[in-house]
Amino acid sequence: MEHLDPQYLAEIARQIGFVSAVLAGFCAAFLGTLIGIRSESRAASWTISTATLSAVSFVCAVIASTKLVVVLHPAAPKGAAAAAGSARIVFALSFILGLYSLLAAIALTGWVRSRRMGIVTTVLALAGAIVASWLI
């Protein structure tokens, strides 16, 4: 892992933590809507599963980012910085997992309604995944 300045890393953690919190709330609302549909199709089940994975991943990213910000604070105890490595790994992995599972849930959403809508949502979600991968 590349060594980053603690203040820089803490600012990244704050920013992505905020985005993760917003997306976790969105995923939870999205999940509630999906559960309310009461569809028994396989597409609905897969969509609910990926939306759940996304919400849980974003919540873990928020917790990991909070831990990262706390241990990187200049007033933190000397031994606290040792925990930054594991928090950084959990933070990055859970955010990326949340992002891609949210895009997968978006792709699957259209299939609950119709084949045509499924194709449209899948193409748009794939485009989003390509852009996100390029930016990451």
N, C-alpha and C. Protein backbone atom coordinates (compact mmCIF):
# COMPACT_ATOMS: atom_id res chain seq x y z
N MET A 1 0.83 -1.18 0.00
CA MET A 1 0.00 0.00 0.00
C MET A 1 0.88 1.24 0.00
N GLU A 2 0.49 2.20 -0.79
CA GLU A 2 1.23 3.45 -0.86
C GLU A 2 1.01 4.27 0.41
N HIS A 3 2.07 4.91 0.87
CA HIS A 3 1.96 5.74 2.07
C HIS A 3 1.35 7.09 1.68
N LEU A 4 0.27 7.45 2.34
CA LEU A 4 -0.38 8.74 2.11
C LEU A 4 -0.30 9.56 3.38
N ASP A 5 -0.23 10.87 3.21
CA ASP A 5 -0.22 11.77 4.35
C ASP A 5 -1.49 11.55 5.18
N PRO A 6 -1.39 11.45 6.49
CA PRO A 6 -2.56 11.17 7.33
C PRO A 6 -3.71 12.18 7.15
N GLN A 7 -3.40 13.47 7.00
CA GLN A 7 -4.46 14.46 6.82
C GLN A 7 -5.17 14.27 5.48
N TYR A 8 -4.41 13.92 4.47
CA TYR A 8 -4.99 13.66 3.15
C TYR A 8 -5.90 12.44 3.20
N LEU A 9 -5.42 11.39 3.82
CA LEU A 9 -6.20 10.16 3.94
C LEU A 9 -7.46 10.38 4.78
N ALA A 10 -7.35 11.17 5.84
CA ALA A 10 -8.52 11.47 6.67
C ALA A 10 -9.56 12.26 5.88
N GLU A 11 -9.12 13.18 5.04
CA GLU A 11 -10.07 13.96 4.23
C GLU A 11 -10.76 13.07 3.20
N ILE A 12 -10.02 12.17 2.58
CA ILE A 12 -10.63 11.20 1.65
C ILE A 12 -11.66 10.36 2.40
N ALA A 13 -11.31 9.90 3.58
CA ALA A 13 -12.23 9.07 4.38
C ALA A 13 -13.49 9.85 4.72
N ARG A 14 -13.35 11.13 5.07
CA ARG A 14 -14.54 11.94 5.38
C ARG A 14 -15.44 12.09 4.16
N GLN A 15 -14.85 12.38 3.02
CA GLN A 15 -15.64 12.60 1.81
C GLN A 15 -16.35 11.32 1.36
N ILE A 16 -15.60 10.24 1.26
CA ILE A 16 -16.20 8.98 0.82
C ILE A 16 -17.14 8.43 1.88
N GLY A 17 -16.85 8.68 3.14
CA GLY A 17 -17.76 8.27 4.21
C GLY A 17 -19.10 8.96 4.09
N PHE A 18 -19.08 10.26 3.76
CA PHE A 18 -20.33 11.00 3.56
C PHE A 18 -21.11 10.43 2.37
N VAL A 19 -20.42 10.20 1.27
CA VAL A 19 -21.08 9.62 0.09
C VAL A 19 -21.64 8.24 0.43
N SER A 20 -20.89 7.45 1.18
CA SER A 20 -21.36 6.12 1.57
C SER A 20 -22.61 6.20 2.44
N ALA A 21 -22.65 7.16 3.34
CA ALA A 21 -23.83 7.32 4.20
C ALA A 21 -25.06 7.67 3.38
N VAL A 22 -24.90 8.58 2.42
CA VAL A 22 -26.02 8.96 1.56
C VAL A 22 -26.48 7.76 0.73
N LEU A 23 -25.52 7.04 0.16
CA LEU A 23 -25.87 5.87 -0.67
C LEU A 23 -26.46 4.74 0.17
N ALA A 24 -26.02 4.59 1.40
CA ALA A 24 -26.62 3.57 2.28
C ALA A 24 -28.09 3.89 2.54
N GLY A 25 -28.39 5.16 2.76
CA GLY A 25 -29.78 5.58 2.94
C GLY A 25 -30.60 5.35 1.68
N PHE A 26 -30.01 5.67 0.54
CA PHE A 26 -30.70 5.43 -0.72
C PHE A 26 -30.98 3.94 -0.91
N CYS A 27 -29.97 3.12 -0.64
CA CYS A 27 -30.14 1.67 -0.81
C CYS A 27 -31.20 1.12 0.13
N ALA A 28 -31.25 1.63 1.34
CA ALA A 28 -32.27 1.17 2.29
C ALA A 28 -33.67 1.55 1.80
N ALA A 29 -33.82 2.76 1.27
CA ALA A 29 -35.12 3.18 0.73
C ALA A 29 -35.47 2.35 -0.51
N PHE A 30 -34.48 2.12 -1.35
CA PHE A 30 -34.64 1.30 -2.55
C PHE A 30 -35.06 -0.11 -2.17
N LEU A 31 -34.42 -0.64 -1.13
CA LEU A 31 -34.74 -1.99 -0.65
C LEU A 31 -36.16 -2.06 -0.12
N GLY A 32 -36.57 -1.05 0.64
CA GLY A 32 -37.94 -1.02 1.15
C GLY A 32 -38.97 -1.00 0.04
N THR A 33 -38.67 -0.25 -1.01
CA THR A 33 -39.57 -0.21 -2.16
C THR A 33 -39.64 -1.57 -2.85
N LEU A 34 -38.50 -2.21 -3.01
CA LEU A 34 -38.47 -3.52 -3.67
C LEU A 34 -39.24 -4.57 -2.86
N ILE A 35 -39.09 -4.53 -1.57
CA ILE A 35 -39.79 -5.50 -0.73
C ILE A 35 -41.29 -5.26 -0.79
N GLY A 36 -41.68 -4.00 -0.91
CA GLY A 36 -43.11 -3.65 -1.00
C GLY A 36 -43.77 -4.09 -2.29
N ILE A 37 -42.99 -4.38 -3.32
CA ILE A 37 -43.55 -4.80 -4.61
C ILE A 37 -44.23 -6.15 -4.49
N ARG A 38 -43.72 -7.02 -3.66
CA ARG A 38 -44.26 -8.36 -3.43
C ARG A 38 -44.26 -9.23 -4.70
N SER A 39 -43.21 -9.10 -5.48
CA SER A 39 -43.05 -9.94 -6.65
C SER A 39 -42.29 -11.20 -6.25
N GLU A 40 -42.71 -12.33 -6.78
CA GLU A 40 -42.07 -13.60 -6.48
C GLU A 40 -41.09 -14.02 -7.57
N SER A 41 -40.80 -13.14 -8.51
CA SER A 41 -39.91 -13.51 -9.62
C SER A 41 -38.46 -13.63 -9.15
N ARG A 42 -37.69 -14.37 -9.92
CA ARG A 42 -36.26 -14.52 -9.61
C ARG A 42 -35.55 -13.19 -9.73
N ALA A 43 -35.97 -12.37 -10.70
CA ALA A 43 -35.34 -11.06 -10.88
C ALA A 43 -35.55 -10.19 -9.64
N ALA A 44 -36.74 -10.24 -9.07
CA ALA A 44 -37.01 -9.46 -7.86
C ALA A 44 -36.16 -9.96 -6.69
N SER A 45 -36.02 -11.25 -6.56
CA SER A 45 -35.21 -11.82 -5.48
C SER A 45 -33.75 -11.41 -5.62
N TRP A 46 -33.22 -11.49 -6.83
CA TRP A 46 -31.84 -11.09 -7.07
C TRP A 46 -31.65 -9.60 -6.83
N THR A 47 -32.63 -8.80 -7.22
CA THR A 47 -32.55 -7.36 -7.02
C THR A 47 -32.55 -7.02 -5.54
N ILE A 48 -33.41 -7.67 -4.77
CA ILE A 48 -33.46 -7.45 -3.32
C ILE A 48 -32.13 -7.88 -2.69
N SER A 49 -31.59 -8.99 -3.14
CA SER A 49 -30.32 -9.48 -2.58
C SER A 49 -29.18 -8.51 -2.85
N THR A 50 -29.08 -8.01 -4.07
CA THR A 50 -27.99 -7.10 -4.39
C THR A 50 -28.19 -5.73 -3.72
N ALA A 51 -29.42 -5.29 -3.57
CA ALA A 51 -29.68 -4.03 -2.87
C ALA A 51 -29.33 -4.17 -1.39
N THR A 52 -29.60 -5.32 -0.81
CA THR A 52 -29.23 -5.58 0.59
C THR A 52 -27.71 -5.58 0.75
N LEU A 53 -27.02 -6.27 -0.15
CA LEU A 53 -25.56 -6.30 -0.12
C LEU A 53 -25.00 -4.88 -0.24
N SER A 54 -25.57 -4.09 -1.11
CA SER A 54 -25.11 -2.73 -1.29
C SER A 54 -25.31 -1.89 -0.03
N ALA A 55 -26.48 -1.97 0.57
CA ALA A 55 -26.76 -1.19 1.78
C ALA A 55 -25.81 -1.59 2.91
N VAL A 56 -25.62 -2.89 3.10
CA VAL A 56 -24.73 -3.37 4.16
C VAL A 56 -23.29 -2.94 3.89
N SER A 57 -22.87 -3.01 2.65
CA SER A 57 -21.50 -2.61 2.29
C SER A 57 -21.27 -1.13 2.56
N PHE A 58 -22.25 -0.31 2.20
CA PHE A 58 -22.09 1.13 2.44
C PHE A 58 -22.09 1.45 3.94
N VAL A 59 -22.89 0.75 4.72
CA VAL A 59 -22.87 0.96 6.17
C VAL A 59 -21.49 0.59 6.73
N CYS A 60 -20.93 -0.52 6.26
CA CYS A 60 -19.58 -0.90 6.70
C CYS A 60 -18.54 0.14 6.27
N ALA A 61 -18.71 0.71 5.08
CA ALA A 61 -17.80 1.76 4.62
C ALA A 61 -17.88 2.99 5.52
N VAL A 62 -19.09 3.34 5.95
CA VAL A 62 -19.26 4.49 6.85
C VAL A 62 -18.54 4.23 8.18
N ILE A 63 -18.72 3.04 8.73
CA ILE A 63 -18.09 2.71 10.01
C ILE A 63 -16.57 2.70 9.86
N ALA A 64 -16.07 2.11 8.78
CA ALA A 64 -14.62 2.07 8.55
C ALA A 64 -14.05 3.47 8.32
N SER A 65 -14.79 4.32 7.62
CA SER A 65 -14.29 5.68 7.39
C SER A 65 -14.25 6.46 8.69
N THR A 66 -15.24 6.25 9.54
CA THR A 66 -15.24 6.92 10.84
C THR A 66 -14.03 6.47 11.67
N LYS A 67 -13.76 5.18 11.67
CA LYS A 67 -12.60 4.67 12.40
C LYS A 67 -11.31 5.25 11.82
N LEU A 68 -11.23 5.33 10.52
CA LEU A 68 -10.05 5.87 9.87
C LEU A 68 -9.82 7.33 10.24
N VAL A 69 -10.87 8.12 10.22
CA VAL A 69 -10.76 9.53 10.59
C VAL A 69 -10.32 9.66 12.05
N VAL A 70 -10.87 8.83 12.91
CA VAL A 70 -10.54 8.90 14.34
C VAL A 70 -9.08 8.52 14.59
N VAL A 71 -8.62 7.43 14.01
CA VAL A 71 -7.24 6.99 14.29
C VAL A 71 -6.20 7.88 13.61
N LEU A 72 -6.59 8.61 12.58
CA LEU A 72 -5.63 9.49 11.90
C LEU A 72 -5.62 10.91 12.46
N HIS A 73 -6.49 11.18 13.41
CA HIS A 73 -6.53 12.52 14.00
C HIS A 73 -5.21 12.78 14.73
N PRO A 74 -4.68 14.01 14.62
CA PRO A 74 -3.40 14.31 15.28
C PRO A 74 -3.41 14.10 16.79
N ALA A 75 -4.55 14.24 17.44
CA ALA A 75 -4.63 14.06 18.89
C ALA A 75 -4.89 12.61 19.30
N ALA A 76 -4.95 11.70 18.34
CA ALA A 76 -5.20 10.30 18.66
C ALA A 76 -4.01 9.71 19.40
N PRO A 77 -4.25 8.72 20.25
CA PRO A 77 -3.13 8.07 20.95
C PRO A 77 -2.14 7.47 19.96
N LYS A 78 -0.90 7.35 20.38
CA LYS A 78 0.17 6.87 19.50
C LYS A 78 -0.13 5.51 18.88
N GLY A 79 -0.68 4.59 19.63
CA GLY A 79 -0.96 3.24 19.12
C GLY A 79 -2.14 3.16 18.18
N ALA A 80 -2.95 4.20 18.13
CA ALA A 80 -4.16 4.17 17.30
C ALA A 80 -3.85 4.11 15.82
N ALA A 81 -2.74 4.69 15.41
CA ALA A 81 -2.39 4.73 13.99
C ALA A 81 -2.16 3.33 13.42
N ALA A 82 -1.84 2.37 14.26
CA ALA A 82 -1.62 1.00 13.79
C ALA A 82 -2.89 0.39 13.24
N ALA A 83 -4.04 0.85 13.71
CA ALA A 83 -5.32 0.32 13.24
C ALA A 83 -5.74 0.92 11.91
N ALA A 84 -5.00 1.89 11.41
CA ALA A 84 -5.38 2.56 10.16
C ALA A 84 -5.30 1.62 8.96
N GLY A 85 -4.37 0.70 8.97
CA GLY A 85 -4.19 -0.21 7.83
C GLY A 85 -5.41 -1.10 7.59
N SER A 86 -5.90 -1.74 8.65
CA SER A 86 -7.05 -2.62 8.48
C SER A 86 -8.31 -1.80 8.16
N ALA A 87 -8.45 -0.63 8.77
CA ALA A 87 -9.61 0.21 8.49
C ALA A 87 -9.59 0.68 7.04
N ARG A 88 -8.40 0.97 6.54
CA ARG A 88 -8.25 1.43 5.15
C ARG A 88 -8.66 0.34 4.16
N ILE A 89 -8.27 -0.89 4.46
CA ILE A 89 -8.61 -2.02 3.57
C ILE A 89 -10.12 -2.28 3.60
N VAL A 90 -10.71 -2.36 4.79
CA VAL A 90 -12.16 -2.58 4.92
C VAL A 90 -12.93 -1.44 4.26
N PHE A 91 -12.45 -0.23 4.47
CA PHE A 91 -13.08 0.96 3.91
C PHE A 91 -13.12 0.87 2.37
N ALA A 92 -11.99 0.62 1.77
CA ALA A 92 -11.92 0.57 0.30
C ALA A 92 -12.74 -0.59 -0.27
N LEU A 93 -12.59 -1.76 0.32
CA LEU A 93 -13.30 -2.93 -0.20
C LEU A 93 -14.82 -2.80 -0.04
N SER A 94 -15.27 -2.31 1.10
CA SER A 94 -16.71 -2.21 1.31
C SER A 94 -17.32 -1.12 0.44
N PHE A 95 -16.60 -0.02 0.22
CA PHE A 95 -17.13 1.02 -0.67
C PHE A 95 -17.24 0.50 -2.10
N ILE A 96 -16.21 -0.16 -2.58
CA ILE A 96 -16.22 -0.69 -3.95
C ILE A 96 -17.29 -1.77 -4.10
N LEU A 97 -17.41 -2.66 -3.13
CA LEU A 97 -18.45 -3.69 -3.17
C LEU A 97 -19.84 -3.04 -3.17
N GLY A 98 -20.03 -2.03 -2.33
CA GLY A 98 -21.31 -1.33 -2.29
C GLY A 98 -21.64 -0.66 -3.61
N LEU A 99 -20.64 -0.03 -4.22
CA LEU A 99 -20.85 0.66 -5.49
C LEU A 99 -21.27 -0.30 -6.60
N TYR A 100 -20.52 -1.39 -6.74
CA TYR A 100 -20.83 -2.33 -7.82
C TYR A 100 -22.11 -3.12 -7.55
N SER A 101 -22.40 -3.42 -6.30
CA SER A 101 -23.66 -4.12 -6.02
C SER A 101 -24.85 -3.19 -6.21
N LEU A 102 -24.68 -1.89 -5.94
CA LEU A 102 -25.76 -0.94 -6.24
C LEU A 102 -26.00 -0.87 -7.74
N LEU A 103 -24.95 -0.82 -8.52
CA LEU A 103 -25.12 -0.82 -9.97
C LEU A 103 -25.76 -2.11 -10.47
N ALA A 104 -25.40 -3.23 -9.84
CA ALA A 104 -26.04 -4.50 -10.21
C ALA A 104 -27.52 -4.49 -9.86
N ALA A 105 -27.87 -3.93 -8.71
CA ALA A 105 -29.28 -3.84 -8.33
C ALA A 105 -30.05 -2.95 -9.29
N ILE A 106 -29.42 -1.86 -9.71
CA ILE A 106 -30.06 -0.98 -10.70
C ILE A 106 -30.26 -1.73 -12.01
N ALA A 107 -29.25 -2.50 -12.42
CA ALA A 107 -29.37 -3.28 -13.66
C ALA A 107 -30.50 -4.30 -13.56
N LEU A 108 -30.63 -4.94 -12.41
CA LEU A 108 -31.65 -5.98 -12.24
C LEU A 108 -33.07 -5.42 -12.08
N THR A 109 -33.18 -4.18 -11.65
CA THR A 109 -34.49 -3.60 -11.40
C THR A 109 -35.40 -3.65 -12.62
N GLY A 110 -34.86 -3.34 -13.77
CA GLY A 110 -35.67 -3.33 -14.99
C GLY A 110 -36.22 -4.70 -15.35
N TRP A 111 -35.49 -5.75 -14.99
CA TRP A 111 -35.93 -7.11 -15.33
C TRP A 111 -37.17 -7.52 -14.54
N VAL A 112 -37.41 -6.85 -13.41
CA VAL A 112 -38.62 -7.14 -12.63
C VAL A 112 -39.85 -6.72 -13.43
N ARG A 113 -39.70 -5.66 -14.21
CA ARG A 113 -40.85 -5.12 -14.95
C ARG A 113 -41.03 -5.76 -16.33
N SER A 114 -39.99 -5.74 -17.16
CA SER A 114 -40.11 -6.31 -18.51
C SER A 114 -38.73 -6.56 -19.10
N ARG A 115 -38.71 -7.31 -20.17
CA ARG A 115 -37.44 -7.61 -20.86
C ARG A 115 -36.83 -6.34 -21.44
N ARG A 116 -37.64 -5.52 -22.08
CA ARG A 116 -37.14 -4.28 -22.68
C ARG A 116 -36.56 -3.34 -21.62
N MET A 117 -37.27 -3.18 -20.52
CA MET A 117 -36.78 -2.32 -19.45
C MET A 117 -35.52 -2.93 -18.82
N GLY A 118 -35.46 -4.25 -18.74
CA GLY A 118 -34.28 -4.92 -18.21
C GLY A 118 -33.05 -4.65 -19.06
N ILE A 119 -33.23 -4.68 -20.37
CA ILE A 119 -32.11 -4.39 -21.27
C ILE A 119 -31.63 -2.95 -21.07
N VAL A 120 -32.57 -2.02 -21.00
CA VAL A 120 -32.22 -0.61 -20.83
C VAL A 120 -31.47 -0.39 -19.52
N THR A 121 -32.00 -0.90 -18.41
CA THR A 121 -31.34 -0.68 -17.12
C THR A 121 -29.99 -1.38 -17.04
N THR A 122 -29.87 -2.54 -17.67
CA THR A 122 -28.59 -3.24 -17.67
C THR A 122 -27.54 -2.47 -18.45
N VAL A 123 -27.91 -1.96 -19.62
CA VAL A 123 -26.96 -1.19 -20.44
C VAL A 123 -26.52 0.07 -19.69
N LEU A 124 -27.48 0.76 -19.07
CA LEU A 124 -27.14 1.98 -18.33
C LEU A 124 -26.27 1.67 -17.12
N ALA A 125 -26.56 0.60 -16.40
CA ALA A 125 -25.76 0.23 -15.24
C ALA A 125 -24.35 -0.20 -15.67
N LEU A 126 -24.25 -0.90 -16.78
CA LEU A 126 -22.92 -1.27 -17.30
C LEU A 126 -22.12 -0.03 -17.68
N ALA A 127 -22.78 0.93 -18.30
CA ALA A 127 -22.10 2.19 -18.64
C ALA A 127 -21.63 2.88 -17.36
N GLY A 128 -22.47 2.89 -16.34
CA GLY A 128 -22.07 3.46 -15.05
C GLY A 128 -20.90 2.72 -14.43
N ALA A 129 -20.89 1.40 -14.54
CA ALA A 129 -19.80 0.61 -14.00
C ALA A 129 -18.49 0.89 -14.73
N ILE A 130 -18.59 1.08 -16.03
CA ILE A 130 -17.38 1.40 -16.82
C ILE A 130 -16.82 2.75 -16.40
N VAL A 131 -17.69 3.73 -16.28
CA VAL A 131 -17.26 5.07 -15.86
C VAL A 131 -16.68 5.03 -14.45
N ALA A 132 -17.36 4.34 -13.55
CA ALA A 132 -16.88 4.24 -12.16
C ALA A 132 -15.52 3.54 -12.10
N SER A 133 -15.36 2.46 -12.88
CA SER A 133 -14.08 1.74 -12.91
C SER A 133 -12.97 2.63 -13.46
N TRP A 134 -13.30 3.40 -14.45
CA TRP A 134 -12.31 4.31 -15.06
C TRP A 134 -11.89 5.38 -14.04
N LEU A 135 -12.86 5.89 -13.27
CA LEU A 135 -12.55 6.95 -12.31
C LEU A 135 -11.84 6.43 -11.06
N ILE A 136 -12.10 5.19 -10.70
CA ILE A 136 -11.46 4.62 -9.51
C ILE A 136 -10.02 4.29 -9.85
